[in-house]
């Protein structure tokens, strides 16, 4: 009220313990709406605002170096100290493959919706594609598939909200550009050359 953001009458209506028709609130009150579509639709923006207001900014670190120099030891120490997530090649691949296997296991189960069934079938096709690429690549998963695994993990709510220690990846500039660069939709909306939500602040 001191900043004249809303009138006293509007404030009284918002604090009164009565059910109000949403259209009345939207049209009658002279309020500048920030999340007009509701809490659920704006959950990510609200979470970001809360983290900034409470100074709960996530720690994002990338540890690189040649073999046997102590990357894993340092990563585990930092994760224990700051309570963030340890992201490394083997863990990311196993986690994503386990999620695909759990999704595929739902195929044919009773009570599964058509939408979930279609998603499970797509995951089965994706798993087949991954295995084919692995055979063609000498027992290693294709680079683009690995980068997609890392992207999915770094974009998870846990990593975005709490932070992460990324160990041993990416190894090249090209991999870094693919991993941290903006997606096509984000690139159209923003002029930034990287995804600020997952790009490490310290290397």
C-alpha atoms as a PDB file:
ATOM      1  CA  UNK A   1       0.000   0.000   0.000  1.00  0.00           C
ATOM      2  CA  UNK A   2       2.873   2.344   0.777  1.00  0.00           C
ATOM      3  CA  UNK A   3       4.049   2.082  -2.823  1.00  0.00           C
ATOM      4  CA  UNK A   4       0.512   2.581  -4.158  1.00  0.00           C
ATOM      5  CA  UNK A   5       0.667  -0.729  -6.027  1.00  0.00           C
ATOM      6  CA  UNK A   6      -2.952  -1.462  -5.140  1.00  0.00           C
ATOM      7  CA  UNK A   7      -5.762   0.565  -3.587  1.00  0.00           C
ATOM      8  CA  UNK A   8      -7.016   0.049  -0.060  1.00  0.00           C
ATOM      9  CA  UNK A   9     -10.288  -1.298  -1.454  1.00  0.00           C
ATOM     10  CA  UNK A  10      -8.467  -3.912  -3.532  1.00  0.00           C
ATOM     11  CA  UNK A  11      -6.341  -4.895  -0.539  1.00  0.00           C
ATOM     12  CA  UNK A  12      -9.439  -5.334   1.616  1.00  0.00           C
ATOM     13  CA  UNK A  13     -11.049  -7.563  -1.010  1.00  0.00           C
ATOM     14  CA  UNK A  14      -7.962  -9.752  -1.281  1.00  0.00           C
ATOM     15  CA  UNK A  15      -7.654 -10.250   2.485  1.00  0.00           C
ATOM     16  CA  UNK A  16     -11.324 -10.937   3.184  1.00  0.00           C
ATOM     17  CA  UNK A  17     -12.128 -14.592   3.863  1.00  0.00           C
ATOM     18  CA  UNK A  18     -14.633 -15.093   1.042  1.00  0.00           C
ATOM     19  CA  UNK A  19     -14.656 -16.977  -2.245  1.00  0.00           C
ATOM     20  CA  UNK A  20     -14.369 -14.582  -5.173  1.00  0.00           C
ATOM     21  CA  UNK A  21     -15.137 -15.252  -8.793  1.00  0.00           C
ATOM     22  CA  UNK A  22     -11.832 -15.244 -10.714  1.00  0.00           C
ATOM     23  CA  UNK A  23     -13.215 -12.968 -13.413  1.00  0.00           C
ATOM     24  CA  UNK A  24     -14.181 -10.396 -10.790  1.00  0.00           C
ATOM     25  CA  UNK A  25     -10.682 -10.386  -9.342  1.00  0.00           C
ATOM     26  CA  UNK A  26      -9.070 -10.087 -12.770  1.00  0.00           C
ATOM     27  CA  UNK A  27     -11.321  -7.423 -14.278  1.00  0.00           C
ATOM     28  CA  UNK A  28     -12.349  -5.306 -11.297  1.00  0.00           C
ATOM     29  CA  UNK A  29      -9.052  -4.908  -9.450  1.00  0.00           C
ATOM     30  CA  UNK A  30      -6.344  -2.572 -10.710  1.00  0.00           C
ATOM     31  CA  UNK A  31      -3.526  -5.056 -10.145  1.00  0.00           C
ATOM     32  CA  UNK A  32      -0.560  -5.646 -12.419  1.00  0.00           C
ATOM     33  CA  UNK A  33      -0.648  -9.433 -12.763  1.00  0.00           C
ATOM     34  CA  UNK A  34       2.682 -11.290 -12.840  1.00  0.00           C
ATOM     35  CA  UNK A  35       1.414 -14.894 -13.002  1.00  0.00           C
ATOM     36  CA  UNK A  36      -2.009 -14.464 -14.510  1.00  0.00           C
ATOM     37  CA  UNK A  37      -2.293 -18.078 -15.686  1.00  0.00           C
ATOM     38  CA  UNK A  38      -1.947 -19.406 -12.137  1.00  0.00           C
ATOM     39  CA  UNK A  39       0.530 -21.030  -9.768  1.00  0.00           C
ATOM     40  CA  UNK A  40       1.093 -24.325 -11.606  1.00  0.00           C
ATOM     41  CA  UNK A  41       1.743 -22.737 -15.012  1.00  0.00           C
ATOM     42  CA  UNK A  42       4.320 -20.362 -13.506  1.00  0.00           C
ATOM     43  CA  UNK A  43       5.931 -22.761 -11.047  1.00  0.00           C
ATOM     44  CA  UNK A  44       9.463 -22.502 -12.512  1.00  0.00           C
ATOM     45  CA  UNK A  45       9.384 -18.692 -12.503  1.00  0.00           C
ATOM     46  CA  UNK A  46       8.075 -18.669  -8.931  1.00  0.00           C
ATOM     47  CA  UNK A  47      10.808 -21.078  -7.829  1.00  0.00           C
ATOM     48  CA  UNK A  48      13.462 -18.887  -9.469  1.00  0.00           C
ATOM     49  CA  UNK A  49      12.051 -15.798  -7.758  1.00  0.00           C
ATOM     50  CA  UNK A  50      12.049 -17.580  -4.383  1.00  0.00           C
ATOM     51  CA  UNK A  51      15.671 -18.741  -4.768  1.00  0.00           C
ATOM     52  CA  UNK A  52      16.847 -15.229  -5.636  1.00  0.00           C
ATOM     53  CA  UNK A  53      14.890 -13.623  -2.782  1.00  0.00           C
ATOM     54  CA  UNK A  54      16.259 -16.133  -0.243  1.00  0.00           C
ATOM     55  CA  UNK A  55      19.788 -16.152  -1.722  1.00  0.00           C
ATOM     56  CA  UNK A  56      19.461 -19.898  -2.371  1.00  0.00           C
ATOM     57  CA  UNK A  57      21.293 -19.771  -5.675  1.00  0.00           C
ATOM     58  CA  UNK A  58      22.497 -23.169  -6.952  1.00  0.00           C
ATOM     59  CA  UNK A  59      26.202 -23.983  -7.115  1.00  0.00           C
ATOM     60  CA  UNK A  60      27.221 -25.050 -10.636  1.00  0.00           C
ATOM     61  CA  UNK A  61      30.797 -26.286 -11.050  1.00  0.00           C
ATOM     62  CA  UNK A  62      32.568 -28.226 -13.798  1.00  0.00           C
ATOM     63  CA  UNK A  63      35.760 -30.162 -12.976  1.00  0.00           C
ATOM     64  CA  UNK A  64      37.982 -31.111 -15.920  1.00  0.00           C
ATOM     65  CA  UNK A  65      41.454 -32.554 -16.274  1.00  0.00           C
ATOM     66  CA  UNK A  66      43.519 -35.525 -17.455  1.00  0.00           C
ATOM     67  CA  UNK A  67      43.025 -39.012 -15.954  1.00  0.00           C
ATOM     68  CA  UNK A  68      44.160 -39.761 -12.386  1.00  0.00           C
ATOM     69  CA  UNK A  69      44.511 -36.150 -11.202  1.00  0.00           C
ATOM     70  CA  UNK A  70      41.798 -36.381  -8.527  1.00  0.00           C
ATOM     71  CA  UNK A  71      38.686 -35.113 -10.326  1.00  0.00           C
ATOM     72  CA  UNK A  72      36.398 -37.658  -8.665  1.00  0.00           C
ATOM     73  CA  UNK A  73      37.897 -37.098  -5.213  1.00  0.00           C
ATOM     74  CA  UNK A  74      37.446 -33.335  -5.482  1.00  0.00           C
ATOM     75  CA  UNK A  75      33.930 -33.689  -6.907  1.00  0.00           C
ATOM     76  CA  UNK A  76      32.816 -35.965  -4.053  1.00  0.00           C
ATOM     77  CA  UNK A  77      34.326 -33.606  -1.467  1.00  0.00           C
ATOM     78  CA  UNK A  78      32.512 -30.578  -2.903  1.00  0.00           C
ATOM     79  CA  UNK A  79      29.236 -32.505  -3.188  1.00  0.00           C
ATOM     80  CA  UNK A  80      29.423 -33.577   0.462  1.00  0.00           C
ATOM     81  CA  UNK A  81      30.342 -30.084   1.620  1.00  0.00           C
ATOM     82  CA  UNK A  82      27.724 -28.144  -0.358  1.00  0.00           C
ATOM     83  CA  UNK A  83      25.031 -30.859  -0.600  1.00  0.00           C
ATOM     84  CA  UNK A  84      24.797 -30.755  -4.393  1.00  0.00           C
ATOM     85  CA  UNK A  85      24.572 -33.489  -7.015  1.00  0.00           C
ATOM     86  CA  UNK A  86      27.573 -35.337  -8.464  1.00  0.00           C
ATOM     87  CA  UNK A  87      27.115 -35.572 -12.248  1.00  0.00           C
ATOM     88  CA  UNK A  88      29.479 -37.904 -14.098  1.00  0.00           C
ATOM     89  CA  UNK A  89      29.437 -39.970 -17.275  1.00  0.00           C
ATOM     90  CA  UNK A  90      28.638 -43.425 -15.895  1.00  0.00           C
ATOM     91  CA  UNK A  91      26.012 -42.171 -13.459  1.00  0.00           C
ATOM     92  CA  UNK A  92      24.214 -40.071 -16.078  1.00  0.00           C
ATOM     93  CA  UNK A  93      24.081 -42.907 -18.629  1.00  0.00           C
ATOM     94  CA  UNK A  94      22.900 -45.500 -16.081  1.00  0.00           C
ATOM     95  CA  UNK A  95      20.238 -43.163 -14.691  1.00  0.00           C
ATOM     96  CA  UNK A  96      18.777 -42.365 -18.097  1.00  0.00           C
ATOM     97  CA  UNK A  97      18.873 -45.995 -19.239  1.00  0.00           C
ATOM     98  CA  UNK A  98      17.113 -47.085 -16.031  1.00  0.00           C
ATOM     99  CA  UNK A  99      14.366 -44.517 -16.679  1.00  0.00           C
ATOM    100  CA  UNK A 100      13.923 -45.862 -20.211  1.00  0.00           C
ATOM    101  CA  UNK A 101      13.769 -49.454 -18.950  1.00  0.00           C
ATOM    102  CA  UNK A 102      11.141 -48.576 -16.331  1.00  0.00           C
ATOM    103  CA  UNK A 103       9.088 -46.811 -18.980  1.00  0.00           C
ATOM    104  CA  UNK A 104       9.374 -49.747 -21.402  1.00  0.00           C
ATOM    105  CA  UNK A 105       8.339 -52.192 -18.658  1.00  0.00           C
ATOM    106  CA  UNK A 106       4.932 -50.500 -18.540  1.00  0.00           C
ATOM    107  CA  UNK A 107       4.018 -51.667 -22.055  1.00  0.00           C
ATOM    108  CA  UNK A 108       0.985 -53.933 -21.937  1.00  0.00           C
ATOM    109  CA  UNK A 109       0.260 -53.362 -18.241  1.00  0.00           C
ATOM    110  CA  UNK A 110      -3.382 -53.187 -17.239  1.00  0.00           C
ATOM    111  CA  UNK A 111      -4.860 -49.738 -16.708  1.00  0.00           C
ATOM    112  CA  UNK A 112      -2.142 -47.891 -18.643  1.00  0.00           C
ATOM    113  CA  UNK A 113      -3.545 -44.897 -20.503  1.00  0.00           C
ATOM    114  CA  UNK A 114      -3.171 -44.586 -24.269  1.00  0.00           C
ATOM    115  CA  UNK A 115      -0.892 -41.582 -23.792  1.00  0.00           C
ATOM    116  CA  UNK A 116       1.420 -43.443 -21.404  1.00  0.00           C
ATOM    117  CA  UNK A 117       1.392 -46.493 -23.689  1.00  0.00           C
ATOM    118  CA  UNK A 118       2.460 -44.341 -26.647  1.00  0.00           C
ATOM    119  CA  UNK A 119       5.217 -42.762 -24.545  1.00  0.00           C
ATOM    120  CA  UNK A 120       6.480 -46.196 -23.495  1.00  0.00           C
ATOM    121  CA  UNK A 121       6.538 -47.364 -27.114  1.00  0.00           C
ATOM    122  CA  UNK A 122       8.556 -44.298 -28.097  1.00  0.00           C
ATOM    123  CA  UNK A 123      10.995 -45.044 -25.284  1.00  0.00           C
ATOM    124  CA  UNK A 124      11.350 -48.605 -26.590  1.00  0.00           C
ATOM    125  CA  UNK A 125      12.189 -47.270 -30.057  1.00  0.00           C
ATOM    126  CA  UNK A 126      14.681 -44.879 -28.457  1.00  0.00           C
ATOM    127  CA  UNK A 127      16.344 -47.723 -26.554  1.00  0.00           C
ATOM    128  CA  UNK A 128      16.642 -49.759 -29.754  1.00  0.00           C
ATOM    129  CA  UNK A 129      18.209 -46.749 -31.478  1.00  0.00           C
ATOM    130  CA  UNK A 130      20.677 -46.300 -28.616  1.00  0.00           C
ATOM    131  CA  UNK A 131      21.761 -49.937 -28.786  1.00  0.00           C
ATOM    132  CA  UNK A 132      22.201 -49.769 -32.557  1.00  0.00           C
ATOM    133  CA  UNK A 133      24.332 -46.660 -32.222  1.00  0.00           C
ATOM    134  CA  UNK A 134      26.388 -48.349 -29.513  1.00  0.00           C
ATOM    135  CA  UNK A 135      27.124 -51.331 -31.748  1.00  0.00           C
ATOM    136  CA  UNK A 136      28.101 -49.073 -34.632  1.00  0.00           C
ATOM    137  CA  UNK A 137      30.321 -46.980 -32.339  1.00  0.00           C
ATOM    138  CA  UNK A 138      32.510 -49.778 -31.007  1.00  0.00           C
ATOM    139  CA  UNK A 139      30.625 -50.337 -27.746  1.00  0.00           C
ATOM    140  CA  UNK A 140      30.212 -46.659 -26.865  1.00  0.00           C
ATOM    141  CA  UNK A 141      27.021 -44.659 -26.995  1.00  0.00           C
ATOM    142  CA  UNK A 142      26.915 -41.995 -29.686  1.00  0.00           C
ATOM    143  CA  UNK A 143      28.125 -38.560 -28.603  1.00  0.00           C
ATOM    144  CA  UNK A 144      24.827 -36.842 -29.389  1.00  0.00           C
ATOM    145  CA  UNK A 145      22.951 -39.401 -27.275  1.00  0.00           C
ATOM    146  CA  UNK A 146      25.312 -38.872 -24.330  1.00  0.00           C
ATOM    147  CA  UNK A 147      24.910 -35.101 -24.610  1.00  0.00           C
ATOM    148  CA  UNK A 148      21.112 -35.509 -24.567  1.00  0.00           C
ATOM    149  CA  UNK A 149      21.445 -37.613 -21.404  1.00  0.00           C
ATOM    150  CA  UNK A 150      23.527 -34.894 -19.749  1.00  0.00           C
ATOM    151  CA  UNK A 151      21.101 -32.173 -20.855  1.00  0.00           C
ATOM    152  CA  UNK A 152      18.158 -34.029 -19.390  1.00  0.00           C
ATOM    153  CA  UNK A 153      19.950 -34.562 -16.089  1.00  0.00           C
ATOM    154  CA  UNK A 154      21.213 -30.976 -15.761  1.00  0.00           C
ATOM    155  CA  UNK A 155      17.744 -29.632 -16.593  1.00  0.00           C
ATOM    156  CA  UNK A 156      16.142 -31.729 -13.846  1.00  0.00           C
ATOM    157  CA  UNK A 157      14.529 -29.870 -10.951  1.00  0.00           C
ATOM    158  CA  UNK A 158      17.143 -31.222  -8.523  1.00  0.00           C
ATOM    159  CA  UNK A 159      20.105 -29.845 -10.474  1.00  0.00           C
ATOM    160  CA  UNK A 160      18.431 -26.534 -11.356  1.00  0.00           C
ATOM    161  CA  UNK A 161      17.342 -25.841  -7.787  1.00  0.00           C
ATOM    162  CA  UNK A 162      20.192 -27.290  -5.719  1.00  0.00           C
ATOM    163  CA  UNK A 163      23.150 -27.219  -8.099  1.00  0.00           C
ATOM    164  CA  UNK A 164      25.668 -29.780  -9.304  1.00  0.00           C
ATOM    165  CA  UNK A 165      29.319 -30.731  -9.673  1.00  0.00           C
ATOM    166  CA  UNK A 166      29.889 -31.833 -13.268  1.00  0.00           C
ATOM    167  CA  UNK A 167      32.895 -34.143 -13.532  1.00  0.00           C
ATOM    168  CA  UNK A 168      34.927 -34.966 -16.631  1.00  0.00           C
ATOM    169  CA  UNK A 169      32.495 -33.748 -19.278  1.00  0.00           C
ATOM    170  CA  UNK A 170      32.397 -32.041 -21.736  1.00  0.00           C
ATOM    171  CA  UNK A 171      35.839 -32.841 -23.077  1.00  0.00           C
ATOM    172  CA  UNK A 172      35.860 -30.619 -26.189  1.00  0.00           C
ATOM    173  CA  UNK A 173      34.618 -27.175 -27.183  1.00  0.00           C
ATOM    174  CA  UNK A 174      32.162 -28.749 -29.622  1.00  0.00           C
ATOM    175  CA  UNK A 175      30.661 -30.902 -26.868  1.00  0.00           C
ATOM    176  CA  UNK A 176      30.398 -27.862 -24.591  1.00  0.00           C
ATOM    177  CA  UNK A 177      28.566 -25.865 -27.254  1.00  0.00           C
ATOM    178  CA  UNK A 178      26.102 -28.692 -27.826  1.00  0.00           C
ATOM    179  CA  UNK A 179      25.542 -29.255 -24.108  1.00  0.00           C
ATOM    180  CA  UNK A 180      25.333 -25.679 -22.838  1.00  0.00           C
ATOM    181  CA  UNK A 181      24.084 -23.940 -25.978  1.00  0.00           C
ATOM    182  CA  UNK A 182      20.418 -22.866 -26.097  1.00  0.00           C
ATOM    183  CA  UNK A 183      17.800 -25.097 -27.656  1.00  0.00           C
ATOM    184  CA  UNK A 184      16.164 -23.953 -30.887  1.00  0.00           C
ATOM    185  CA  UNK A 185      13.119 -22.537 -29.081  1.00  0.00           C
ATOM    186  CA  UNK A 186      15.280 -20.778 -26.475  1.00  0.00           C
ATOM    187  CA  UNK A 187      17.546 -19.394 -29.213  1.00  0.00           C
ATOM    188  CA  UNK A 188      14.571 -17.729 -30.902  1.00  0.00           C
ATOM    189  CA  UNK A 189      13.392 -16.150 -27.644  1.00  0.00           C
ATOM    190  CA  UNK A 190      16.808 -15.074 -26.327  1.00  0.00           C
ATOM    191  CA  UNK A 191      19.942 -13.572 -27.845  1.00  0.00           C
ATOM    192  CA  UNK A 192      22.163 -15.455 -25.361  1.00  0.00           C
ATOM    193  CA  UNK A 193      24.637 -17.953 -26.782  1.00  0.00           C
ATOM    194  CA  UNK A 194      24.307 -20.338 -23.800  1.00  0.00           C
ATOM    195  CA  UNK A 195      21.698 -21.775 -21.439  1.00  0.00           C
ATOM    196  CA  UNK A 196      22.184 -19.871 -18.194  1.00  0.00           C
ATOM    197  CA  UNK A 197      20.181 -22.418 -16.200  1.00  0.00           C
ATOM    198  CA  UNK A 198      22.684 -25.258 -16.666  1.00  0.00           C
ATOM    199  CA  UNK A 199      25.988 -23.622 -17.664  1.00  0.00           C
ATOM    200  CA  UNK A 200      28.577 -23.940 -14.857  1.00  0.00           C
ATOM    201  CA  UNK A 201      29.729 -20.686 -13.276  1.00  0.00           C
ATOM    202  CA  UNK A 202      33.061 -22.164 -12.170  1.00  0.00           C
ATOM    203  CA  UNK A 203      35.374 -24.467 -14.135  1.00  0.00           C
END
